[in-house]
N, C-alpha and C. Protein backbone atom coordinates (compact mmCIF):
# COMPACT_ATOMS: atom_id res chain seq x y z
N UNK A 1 0.85 -1.17 0.00
CA UNK A 1 0.00 0.00 0.00
C UNK A 1 0.90 1.23 0.00
N UNK A 2 0.61 2.22 -0.85
CA UNK A 2 1.43 3.43 -0.87
C UNK A 2 1.03 4.35 0.28
N UNK A 3 1.84 5.39 0.53
CA UNK A 3 1.60 6.27 1.67
C UNK A 3 0.27 6.98 1.57
N UNK A 4 -0.15 7.38 0.37
CA UNK A 4 -1.41 8.09 0.26
C UNK A 4 -2.56 7.19 0.72
N UNK A 5 -2.49 5.91 0.41
CA UNK A 5 -3.51 4.98 0.87
C UNK A 5 -3.47 4.84 2.38
N UNK A 6 -2.26 4.83 2.96
CA UNK A 6 -2.15 4.76 4.42
C UNK A 6 -2.84 5.94 5.08
N UNK A 7 -2.61 7.13 4.58
CA UNK A 7 -3.24 8.31 5.17
C UNK A 7 -4.75 8.22 5.09
N UNK A 8 -5.24 7.75 3.98
CA UNK A 8 -6.69 7.62 3.84
C UNK A 8 -7.23 6.56 4.80
N UNK A 9 -6.47 5.50 5.04
CA UNK A 9 -6.88 4.48 5.98
C UNK A 9 -6.94 5.05 7.40
N UNK A 10 -5.95 5.88 7.76
CA UNK A 10 -5.93 6.49 9.09
C UNK A 10 -7.18 7.32 9.32
N UNK A 11 -7.66 7.99 8.28
CA UNK A 11 -8.85 8.82 8.42
C UNK A 11 -10.09 8.00 8.73
N UNK A 12 -10.01 6.70 8.49
CA UNK A 12 -11.11 5.83 8.86
C UNK A 12 -12.26 5.89 7.89
N UNK A 13 -11.97 5.89 6.61
CA UNK A 13 -13.00 5.95 5.60
C UNK A 13 -14.19 5.09 5.96
N UNK A 14 -15.22 5.22 5.27
CA UNK A 14 -16.38 4.42 5.60
C UNK A 14 -17.52 4.76 4.68
N UNK A 15 -18.62 4.11 4.94
CA UNK A 15 -19.78 4.30 4.10
C UNK A 15 -20.35 5.70 4.23
N UNK A 16 -20.03 6.41 5.31
CA UNK A 16 -20.60 7.75 5.50
C UNK A 16 -19.86 8.81 4.69
N UNK A 17 -18.84 8.43 3.95
CA UNK A 17 -18.13 9.39 3.11
C UNK A 17 -17.05 10.16 3.83
N UNK A 18 -16.74 9.79 5.07
CA UNK A 18 -15.73 10.51 5.85
C UNK A 18 -14.40 10.56 5.11
N UNK A 19 -13.96 9.42 4.60
CA UNK A 19 -12.68 9.36 3.90
C UNK A 19 -12.66 10.30 2.71
N UNK A 20 -13.70 10.28 1.92
CA UNK A 20 -13.76 11.14 0.73
C UNK A 20 -13.78 12.61 1.12
N UNK A 21 -14.49 12.93 2.20
CA UNK A 21 -14.54 14.33 2.63
C UNK A 21 -13.17 14.81 3.07
N UNK A 22 -12.45 13.99 3.84
CA UNK A 22 -11.09 14.36 4.24
C UNK A 22 -10.18 14.49 3.04
N UNK A 23 -10.27 13.55 2.13
CA UNK A 23 -9.40 13.56 0.95
C UNK A 23 -9.61 14.82 0.12
N UNK A 24 -10.85 15.26 -0.01
CA UNK A 24 -11.13 16.49 -0.80
C UNK A 24 -10.52 17.72 -0.15
N UNK A 25 -10.48 17.77 1.20
CA UNK A 25 -9.98 18.94 1.91
C UNK A 25 -8.47 18.90 2.12
N UNK A 26 -7.86 17.77 1.91
CA UNK A 26 -6.44 17.61 2.21
C UNK A 26 -5.58 18.30 1.16
N UNK A 27 -4.52 18.96 1.63
CA UNK A 27 -3.59 19.58 0.68
C UNK A 27 -2.67 18.54 0.06
N UNK A 28 -2.82 17.29 0.45
CA UNK A 28 -2.03 16.20 -0.14
C UNK A 28 -2.90 15.22 -0.90
N UNK A 29 -4.15 15.56 -1.13
CA UNK A 29 -5.09 14.63 -1.74
C UNK A 29 -4.63 14.13 -3.10
N UNK A 30 -3.92 14.97 -3.85
CA UNK A 30 -3.51 14.56 -5.19
C UNK A 30 -2.04 14.14 -5.26
N UNK A 31 -1.40 13.93 -4.13
CA UNK A 31 0.01 13.52 -4.11
C UNK A 31 0.16 12.10 -4.63
N UNK A 32 1.27 11.87 -5.28
CA UNK A 32 1.62 10.53 -5.71
C UNK A 32 2.44 9.85 -4.60
N UNK A 33 2.66 8.56 -4.75
CA UNK A 33 3.48 7.84 -3.78
C UNK A 33 4.89 8.43 -3.74
N UNK A 34 5.42 8.86 -4.88
CA UNK A 34 6.76 9.48 -4.91
C UNK A 34 6.77 10.79 -4.13
N UNK A 35 5.71 11.56 -4.23
CA UNK A 35 5.65 12.82 -3.48
C UNK A 35 5.60 12.56 -1.98
N UNK A 36 4.87 11.54 -1.56
CA UNK A 36 4.85 11.18 -0.14
C UNK A 36 6.24 10.76 0.33
N UNK A 37 6.93 9.96 -0.48
CA UNK A 37 8.28 9.52 -0.12
C UNK A 37 9.23 10.72 -0.03
N UNK A 38 9.12 11.67 -0.96
CA UNK A 38 9.98 12.86 -0.94
C UNK A 38 9.71 13.69 0.31
N UNK A 39 8.44 13.84 0.66
CA UNK A 39 8.09 14.60 1.87
C UNK A 39 8.65 13.91 3.11
N UNK A 40 8.52 12.59 3.18
CA UNK A 40 9.04 11.84 4.32
C UNK A 40 10.56 12.01 4.43
N UNK A 41 11.23 12.08 3.30
CA UNK A 41 12.69 12.24 3.31
C UNK A 41 13.10 13.59 3.88
N UNK A 42 12.22 14.58 3.80
CA UNK A 42 12.52 15.92 4.33
C UNK A 42 12.27 16.03 5.83
N UNK A 43 11.59 15.06 6.40
CA UNK A 43 11.20 15.12 7.80
C UNK A 43 12.37 15.36 8.75
N UNK A 44 13.50 14.67 8.61
CA UNK A 44 14.63 14.94 9.52
C UNK A 44 15.11 16.40 9.45
N UNK A 45 15.05 17.00 8.28
CA UNK A 45 15.45 18.41 8.15
C UNK A 45 14.48 19.32 8.89
N UNK A 46 13.21 19.01 8.82
CA UNK A 46 12.22 19.81 9.53
C UNK A 46 12.43 19.72 11.03
N UNK A 47 12.67 18.51 11.52
CA UNK A 47 12.92 18.35 12.95
C UNK A 47 14.18 19.10 13.38
N UNK A 48 15.23 19.04 12.57
CA UNK A 48 16.47 19.77 12.88
C UNK A 48 16.22 21.28 12.90
N UNK A 49 15.38 21.76 12.00
CA UNK A 49 15.06 23.19 11.96
C UNK A 49 14.35 23.62 13.24
N UNK A 50 13.40 22.81 13.71
CA UNK A 50 12.70 23.13 14.95
C UNK A 50 13.69 23.20 16.11
N UNK A 51 14.59 22.24 16.18
CA UNK A 51 15.59 22.24 17.26
C UNK A 51 16.49 23.46 17.16
N UNK A 52 16.90 23.84 15.97
CA UNK A 52 17.73 25.02 15.77
C UNK A 52 16.98 26.28 16.22
N UNK A 53 15.71 26.37 15.88
CA UNK A 53 14.91 27.53 16.30
C UNK A 53 14.84 27.60 17.83
N UNK A 54 14.65 26.46 18.47
CA UNK A 54 14.64 26.43 19.94
C UNK A 54 16.01 26.89 20.48
N UNK A 55 17.08 26.32 19.93
CA UNK A 55 18.42 26.66 20.40
C UNK A 55 18.73 28.14 20.23
N UNK A 56 18.15 28.77 19.22
CA UNK A 56 18.40 30.20 18.94
C UNK A 56 17.43 31.12 19.68
N UNK A 57 16.52 30.56 20.48
CA UNK A 57 15.65 31.39 21.32
C UNK A 57 14.35 31.84 20.67
N UNK A 58 13.96 31.22 19.58
CA UNK A 58 12.68 31.55 18.95
C UNK A 58 11.55 31.12 19.87
N UNK A 59 10.53 31.96 20.03
CA UNK A 59 9.37 31.62 20.85
C UNK A 59 8.56 30.56 20.11
N UNK A 60 8.58 29.35 20.62
CA UNK A 60 7.86 28.24 20.00
C UNK A 60 6.64 27.89 20.85
N UNK A 61 5.59 27.47 20.18
CA UNK A 61 4.38 27.04 20.88
C UNK A 61 4.00 25.65 20.38
N UNK A 62 3.12 25.02 21.12
CA UNK A 62 2.59 23.72 20.71
C UNK A 62 1.08 23.83 20.70
N UNK A 63 0.46 23.18 19.74
CA UNK A 63 -0.99 23.20 19.70
C UNK A 63 -1.52 22.50 18.47
N UNK A 64 -2.78 22.20 18.50
CA UNK A 64 -3.43 21.48 17.41
C UNK A 64 -3.88 22.47 16.34
N UNK A 65 -3.49 22.21 15.11
CA UNK A 65 -3.90 23.04 13.99
C UNK A 65 -5.17 22.46 13.38
N UNK A 66 -6.31 22.96 13.81
CA UNK A 66 -7.57 22.49 13.25
C UNK A 66 -8.39 23.68 12.80
N UNK A 67 -9.31 23.59 11.94
CA UNK A 67 -9.68 22.35 11.27
C UNK A 67 -8.75 22.07 10.10
N UNK A 68 -8.16 20.92 10.11
CA UNK A 68 -7.27 20.49 9.04
C UNK A 68 -7.40 18.98 8.92
N UNK A 69 -7.57 18.51 7.72
CA UNK A 69 -7.72 17.06 7.57
C UNK A 69 -6.53 16.30 8.16
N UNK A 70 -6.82 15.19 8.74
CA UNK A 70 -5.85 14.25 9.31
C UNK A 70 -5.33 14.69 10.68
N UNK A 71 -5.70 15.86 11.15
CA UNK A 71 -5.25 16.32 12.47
C UNK A 71 -6.38 16.03 13.47
N UNK A 72 -6.08 15.21 14.45
CA UNK A 72 -7.07 14.85 15.46
C UNK A 72 -6.73 15.63 16.73
N UNK A 73 -7.58 16.58 17.13
CA UNK A 73 -7.28 17.34 18.35
C UNK A 73 -7.03 16.42 19.53
N UNK A 74 -6.09 16.80 20.36
CA UNK A 74 -5.72 15.98 21.51
C UNK A 74 -4.63 15.00 21.14
N UNK A 75 -4.94 14.07 20.27
CA UNK A 75 -3.97 13.07 19.86
C UNK A 75 -2.78 13.75 19.19
N UNK A 76 -3.05 14.65 18.25
CA UNK A 76 -1.95 15.31 17.54
C UNK A 76 -1.17 16.24 18.46
N UNK A 77 -1.83 16.81 19.45
CA UNK A 77 -1.14 17.67 20.41
C UNK A 77 -0.08 16.88 21.18
N UNK A 78 -0.48 15.72 21.68
CA UNK A 78 0.47 14.89 22.43
C UNK A 78 1.58 14.36 21.52
N UNK A 79 1.24 14.07 20.29
CA UNK A 79 2.26 13.63 19.32
C UNK A 79 3.26 14.76 19.08
N UNK A 80 2.77 15.99 18.98
CA UNK A 80 3.66 17.13 18.79
C UNK A 80 4.60 17.31 19.98
N UNK A 81 4.09 17.18 21.18
CA UNK A 81 4.94 17.29 22.37
C UNK A 81 6.02 16.22 22.36
N UNK A 82 5.63 15.00 22.00
CA UNK A 82 6.60 13.90 21.93
C UNK A 82 7.69 14.19 20.90
N UNK A 83 7.31 14.70 19.75
CA UNK A 83 8.30 15.02 18.71
C UNK A 83 9.24 16.13 19.15
N UNK A 84 8.72 17.13 19.84
CA UNK A 84 9.57 18.21 20.34
C UNK A 84 10.61 17.66 21.31
N UNK A 85 10.19 16.75 22.18
CA UNK A 85 11.14 16.15 23.13
C UNK A 85 12.15 15.26 22.40
N UNK A 86 11.70 14.55 21.37
CA UNK A 86 12.59 13.65 20.65
C UNK A 86 13.71 14.38 19.91
N UNK A 87 13.49 15.65 19.55
CA UNK A 87 14.56 16.38 18.87
C UNK A 87 15.57 16.95 19.86
N UNK A 88 15.34 16.72 21.15
CA UNK A 88 16.30 17.15 22.15
C UNK A 88 15.91 18.39 22.93
N UNK A 89 14.68 18.81 22.82
CA UNK A 89 14.21 19.95 23.61
C UNK A 89 13.82 19.41 24.98
N UNK A 90 14.35 20.00 26.07
CA UNK A 90 14.05 19.49 27.41
C UNK A 90 12.55 19.51 27.71
N UNK A 91 12.11 18.54 28.51
CA UNK A 91 10.69 18.42 28.84
C UNK A 91 10.13 19.71 29.42
N UNK A 92 10.89 20.39 30.29
CA UNK A 92 10.39 21.64 30.87
C UNK A 92 10.12 22.68 29.80
N UNK A 93 10.95 22.75 28.79
CA UNK A 93 10.75 23.70 27.69
C UNK A 93 9.55 23.30 26.84
N UNK A 94 9.36 22.01 26.64
CA UNK A 94 8.20 21.54 25.87
C UNK A 94 6.91 21.90 26.61
N UNK A 95 6.87 21.68 27.91
CA UNK A 95 5.69 22.03 28.71
C UNK A 95 5.46 23.54 28.63
N UNK A 96 6.52 24.30 28.67
CA UNK A 96 6.39 25.76 28.56
C UNK A 96 5.80 26.14 27.20
N UNK A 97 6.22 25.47 26.14
CA UNK A 97 5.68 25.76 24.80
C UNK A 97 4.17 25.53 24.76
N UNK A 98 3.71 24.54 25.51
CA UNK A 98 2.30 24.19 25.51
C UNK A 98 1.47 25.05 26.47
N UNK A 99 2.13 25.85 27.28
CA UNK A 99 1.40 26.63 28.29
C UNK A 99 1.71 28.13 28.14
N UNK A 100 2.69 28.59 28.86
CA UNK A 100 2.96 30.03 28.91
C UNK A 100 3.35 30.61 27.55
N UNK A 101 4.10 29.87 26.74
CA UNK A 101 4.48 30.39 25.43
C UNK A 101 3.26 30.64 24.55
N UNK A 102 2.26 29.77 24.67
CA UNK A 102 1.04 29.96 23.88
C UNK A 102 0.37 31.28 24.27
N UNK A 103 0.30 31.56 25.57
CA UNK A 103 -0.28 32.82 26.02
C UNK A 103 0.52 34.02 25.53
N UNK A 104 1.84 33.91 25.57
CA UNK A 104 2.69 35.00 25.09
C UNK A 104 2.50 35.23 23.59
N UNK A 105 2.49 34.15 22.83
CA UNK A 105 2.36 34.28 21.38
C UNK A 105 1.00 34.84 20.97
N UNK A 106 -0.04 34.44 21.70
CA UNK A 106 -1.39 34.91 21.39
C UNK A 106 -1.71 36.25 22.03
N UNK A 107 -0.77 36.72 22.87
CA UNK A 107 -0.97 37.98 23.61
C UNK A 107 -2.27 37.93 24.42
N UNK A 108 -2.44 36.78 25.10
CA UNK A 108 -3.60 36.58 25.95
C UNK A 108 -3.15 36.30 27.38
N UNK A 109 -4.02 36.52 28.31
CA UNK A 109 -3.74 36.38 29.73
C UNK A 109 -3.92 34.92 30.18
N UNK A 110 -3.26 34.01 29.47
CA UNK A 110 -3.41 32.58 29.73
C UNK A 110 -2.03 31.93 29.79
N UNK A 111 -2.01 30.67 30.22
CA UNK A 111 -0.78 29.90 30.11
C UNK A 111 -0.04 29.63 31.40
N UNK A 112 -0.44 30.28 32.48
CA UNK A 112 0.20 30.01 33.77
C UNK A 112 -0.82 30.20 34.87
N UNK A 113 -0.51 29.63 36.02
CA UNK A 113 -1.39 29.75 37.18
C UNK A 113 -0.76 30.76 38.13
N UNK A 114 -1.34 31.94 38.17
CA UNK A 114 -0.87 33.00 39.06
C UNK A 114 -1.96 34.05 39.18
N UNK A 115 -1.92 34.84 40.25
CA UNK A 115 -2.97 35.86 40.45
C UNK A 115 -3.10 36.76 39.23
N UNK A 116 -4.36 37.02 38.85
CA UNK A 116 -4.64 37.93 37.75
C UNK A 116 -4.64 37.28 36.37
N UNK A 117 -4.36 36.00 36.30
CA UNK A 117 -4.35 35.31 35.00
C UNK A 117 -5.52 34.34 34.93
N UNK A 118 -5.98 34.10 33.71
CA UNK A 118 -7.04 33.12 33.49
C UNK A 118 -6.38 31.76 33.32
N UNK A 119 -7.00 30.73 33.91
CA UNK A 119 -6.37 29.41 33.80
C UNK A 119 -7.40 28.30 33.82
N UNK A 120 -7.28 27.42 32.86
CA UNK A 120 -7.91 26.12 32.93
C UNK A 120 -6.78 25.18 33.34
N UNK A 121 -7.10 24.11 34.00
CA UNK A 121 -6.05 23.22 34.51
C UNK A 121 -6.26 21.79 34.03
N UNK A 122 -5.15 21.11 33.86
CA UNK A 122 -5.15 19.69 33.58
C UNK A 122 -4.34 19.04 34.69
N UNK A 123 -4.97 18.17 35.44
CA UNK A 123 -4.30 17.47 36.53
C UNK A 123 -3.83 16.12 35.97
N UNK A 124 -2.54 15.88 36.08
CA UNK A 124 -1.93 14.67 35.52
C UNK A 124 -1.61 13.65 36.61
N UNK A 125 -1.55 12.39 36.22
CA UNK A 125 -1.21 11.32 37.15
C UNK A 125 0.29 11.18 37.33
N UNK A 126 1.08 11.83 36.47
CA UNK A 126 2.53 11.72 36.55
C UNK A 126 3.15 13.04 36.09
N UNK A 127 4.38 13.24 36.48
CA UNK A 127 5.09 14.50 36.24
C UNK A 127 5.53 14.63 34.77
N UNK A 128 5.03 15.65 34.04
CA UNK A 128 5.44 15.83 32.64
C UNK A 128 6.89 16.30 32.50
N UNK A 129 7.49 16.76 33.58
CA UNK A 129 8.89 17.16 33.51
C UNK A 129 9.82 15.95 33.47
N UNK A 130 9.31 14.81 33.91
CA UNK A 130 10.08 13.56 33.82
C UNK A 130 9.97 12.96 32.42
N UNK A 131 8.80 13.11 31.80
CA UNK A 131 8.56 12.63 30.44
C UNK A 131 7.35 13.37 29.89
N UNK A 132 7.47 13.97 28.72
CA UNK A 132 6.33 14.68 28.16
C UNK A 132 5.18 13.72 27.84
N UNK A 133 5.48 12.44 27.73
CA UNK A 133 4.39 11.48 27.49
C UNK A 133 3.45 11.40 28.69
N UNK A 134 3.89 11.88 29.84
CA UNK A 134 3.01 11.93 31.00
C UNK A 134 1.87 12.92 30.82
N UNK A 135 1.96 13.81 29.83
CA UNK A 135 0.84 14.72 29.57
C UNK A 135 -0.39 13.96 29.09
N UNK A 136 -0.21 12.73 28.68
CA UNK A 136 -1.34 11.91 28.24
C UNK A 136 -2.05 11.25 29.42
N UNK A 137 -1.47 11.32 30.59
CA UNK A 137 -2.04 10.66 31.77
C UNK A 137 -2.94 11.63 32.53
N UNK A 138 -3.98 12.06 31.87
CA UNK A 138 -4.90 13.07 32.39
C UNK A 138 -5.87 12.45 33.39
N UNK A 139 -5.90 13.04 34.57
CA UNK A 139 -6.82 12.59 35.62
C UNK A 139 -8.07 13.46 35.67
N UNK A 140 -7.86 14.78 35.65
CA UNK A 140 -8.97 15.73 35.78
C UNK A 140 -8.67 16.94 34.90
N UNK A 141 -9.71 17.49 34.32
CA UNK A 141 -9.60 18.76 33.59
C UNK A 141 -10.52 19.74 34.31
N UNK A 142 -10.00 20.93 34.58
CA UNK A 142 -10.81 22.00 35.15
C UNK A 142 -10.90 23.08 34.08
N UNK A 143 -12.09 23.28 33.56
CA UNK A 143 -12.32 24.23 32.48
C UNK A 143 -13.44 25.16 32.91
N UNK A 144 -13.13 26.45 32.94
CA UNK A 144 -14.12 27.46 33.34
C UNK A 144 -14.79 27.10 34.67
N UNK A 145 -14.00 26.55 35.59
CA UNK A 145 -14.51 26.23 36.91
C UNK A 145 -15.24 24.91 37.02
N UNK A 146 -15.38 24.16 35.96
CA UNK A 146 -16.05 22.87 35.98
C UNK A 146 -15.04 21.75 35.91
N UNK A 147 -15.27 20.69 36.70
CA UNK A 147 -14.38 19.54 36.71
C UNK A 147 -14.88 18.47 35.74
N UNK A 148 -13.92 17.92 34.99
CA UNK A 148 -14.23 16.85 34.04
C UNK A 148 -13.23 15.72 34.25
N UNK A 149 -13.73 14.50 34.22
CA UNK A 149 -12.85 13.33 34.28
C UNK A 149 -12.94 12.63 32.94
N UNK A 150 -11.79 12.47 32.27
CA UNK A 150 -11.83 11.82 30.96
C UNK A 150 -12.23 10.36 31.05
């Protein structure tokens, strides 16, 4: 199976037309197998560029880019955090990218827990500073003062 078929399989095609709808909206819908292979070959360069930007002090953030085909909110966010850590960015910096840096970049009063700031909270079962994969171990979410258990 070529890469384009794999992507369509991930989308979970079905009788409801979900696969076709995603394929129509995708910026890679008309890619050939060779184009997918060429893009995959560039992936290490992209990761190196992100690490270089971090090393040079560029304000980086993490977040889900939606609505975009093939991007699943939540899942893709945690995958992004994992990739940032895999390129050698310390866990504390990755957590900062997902919290305070987002507030700074958006120029909003969010991203940290301190007097005068707005905050939703995610309570984790394990320390994300030990491993960013611990961000997936969500116990409780506090959003606008309401508690949610996943």
